[in-house]
């Protein structure tokens, strides 16, 4: 009976050690998988940041380009308007007088 109990205890210890080894192996595998997932997430976030940065630079260049085009158009229109005022100042004086009259009427109204 003592021999049988010893064998049972040895078998239980062996099973416990086997279970412990299996668990340690599974933990090691899980750690490797977590490390791989972490690396993949880091790579993805790095690429995403790079893409956002690239898009922001491209947008800034496009806005600068469109701004320069709009500035050129505004300069052309200002030049045309300046010539028109020099050639015929009467309409401009009439418009400014009208604006002054309307402003005086609106602001002196109590």
Protein backbone atom coordinates (compact mmCIF):
# COMPACT_ATOMS: atom_id res chain seq x y z
CA UNK A 1 0.00 0.00 0.00
CA UNK A 2 2.83 2.42 0.75
CA UNK A 3 4.39 1.66 -2.63
CA UNK A 4 1.11 2.37 -4.35
CA UNK A 5 0.74 5.69 -2.53
CA UNK A 6 4.32 6.63 -3.46
CA UNK A 7 3.63 5.81 -7.09
CA UNK A 8 0.46 7.90 -7.02
CA UNK A 9 2.31 10.82 -5.45
CA UNK A 10 5.12 10.51 -8.02
CA UNK A 11 2.58 10.39 -10.84
CA UNK A 12 0.77 13.43 -9.43
CA UNK A 13 4.06 15.32 -9.15
CA UNK A 14 4.97 14.36 -12.69
CA UNK A 15 1.56 15.46 -13.95
CA UNK A 16 1.93 18.75 -12.06
CA UNK A 17 5.36 19.31 -13.59
CA UNK A 18 4.00 18.47 -17.05
CA UNK A 19 1.14 20.90 -16.58
CA UNK A 20 3.56 23.58 -15.36
CA UNK A 21 5.83 23.06 -18.37
CA UNK A 22 2.86 23.20 -20.73
CA UNK A 23 1.65 26.42 -19.13
CA UNK A 24 5.13 27.96 -19.33
CA UNK A 25 5.30 27.00 -23.02
CA UNK A 26 1.89 28.57 -23.67
CA UNK A 27 2.93 31.74 -21.83
CA UNK A 28 6.08 31.98 -23.93
CA UNK A 29 4.05 31.55 -27.13
CA UNK A 30 1.58 34.22 -25.98
CA UNK A 31 4.43 36.62 -25.17
CA UNK A 32 5.86 36.17 -28.67
CA UNK A 33 2.45 36.75 -30.25
CA UNK A 34 1.91 39.89 -28.16
CA UNK A 35 5.33 41.18 -29.19
CA UNK A 36 4.50 40.56 -32.87
CA UNK A 37 1.15 42.34 -32.50
CA UNK A 38 2.85 45.25 -30.74
CA UNK A 39 5.42 45.53 -33.53
CA UNK A 40 2.66 45.45 -36.15
CA UNK A 41 0.71 48.21 -34.36
CA UNK A 42 3.87 50.33 -34.06
CA UNK A 43 4.59 49.88 -37.78
CA UNK A 44 1.01 50.77 -38.68
CA UNK A 45 0.95 53.87 -36.49
CA UNK A 46 4.30 54.98 -37.91
CA UNK A 47 3.01 54.62 -41.46
CA UNK A 48 -0.26 56.36 -40.59
CA UNK A 49 1.63 59.32 -39.06
CA UNK A 50 3.87 59.49 -42.12
CA UNK A 51 0.81 59.51 -44.40
CA UNK A 52 -0.86 62.28 -42.39
CA UNK A 53 2.33 64.32 -42.42
CA UNK A 54 2.70 63.86 -46.19
CA UNK A 55 -0.93 64.87 -46.77
CA UNK A 56 -0.52 67.97 -44.58
CA UNK A 57 2.55 69.08 -46.52
CA UNK A 58 0.76 68.52 -49.83
CA UNK A 59 -2.27 70.49 -48.59
CA UNK A 60 -0.06 73.36 -47.43
CA UNK A 61 1.64 73.50 -50.83
CA UNK A 62 -1.72 73.51 -52.61
CA UNK A 63 -3.09 76.27 -50.36
CA UNK A 64 0.04 78.37 -50.94
CA UNK A 65 -0.27 77.86 -54.70
CA UNK A 66 -3.98 78.76 -54.75
CA UNK A 67 -3.27 81.78 -52.53
CA UNK A 68 -0.67 83.08 -54.95
CA UNK A 69 -3.12 82.68 -57.84
CA UNK A 70 -5.83 84.53 -55.92
CA UNK A 71 -3.36 87.30 -55.02
CA UNK A 72 -2.40 87.75 -58.67
CA UNK A 73 -6.07 88.00 -59.66
CA UNK A 74 -6.75 90.53 -56.89
CA UNK A 75 -3.76 92.61 -58.02
CA UNK A 76 -5.03 92.57 -61.61
CA UNK A 77 -8.53 93.63 -60.51
CA UNK A 78 -7.10 96.39 -58.29
CA UNK A 79 -5.00 97.64 -61.20
CA UNK A 80 -8.05 97.67 -63.52
CA UNK A 81 -10.13 99.46 -60.87
CA UNK A 82 -7.36 102.00 -60.29
CA UNK A 83 -7.20 102.77 -64.01
CA UNK A 84 -10.99 103.14 -64.15
CA UNK A 85 -10.94 105.61 -61.24
CA UNK A 86 -8.14 107.62 -62.85
CA UNK A 87 -9.97 107.77 -66.18
CA UNK A 88 -13.39 108.63 -64.76
CA UNK A 89 -13.46 109.67 -61.06
CA UNK A 90 -17.05 110.98 -61.08
CA UNK A 91 -18.78 107.58 -60.39
CA UNK A 92 -16.39 106.88 -57.53
CA UNK A 93 -17.05 110.25 -55.96
CA UNK A 94 -20.80 109.66 -56.32
CA UNK A 95 -20.57 106.22 -54.69
CA UNK A 96 -18.43 107.53 -51.81
CA UNK A 97 -20.81 110.44 -51.31
CA UNK A 98 -23.78 108.08 -51.22
CA UNK A 99 -22.07 105.86 -48.65
CA UNK A 100 -21.24 108.90 -46.50
CA UNK A 101 -24.82 110.20 -46.71
CA UNK A 102 -26.35 106.82 -45.80
CA UNK A 103 -23.90 106.37 -42.92
CA UNK A 104 -24.75 109.82 -41.57
CA UNK A 105 -28.46 109.11 -41.79
CA UNK A 106 -28.19 105.74 -40.08
CA UNK A 107 -25.88 106.78 -37.27
CA UNK A 108 -27.60 110.08 -36.41
CA UNK A 109 -30.94 108.33 -36.08
CA UNK A 110 -31.75 108.18 -32.38
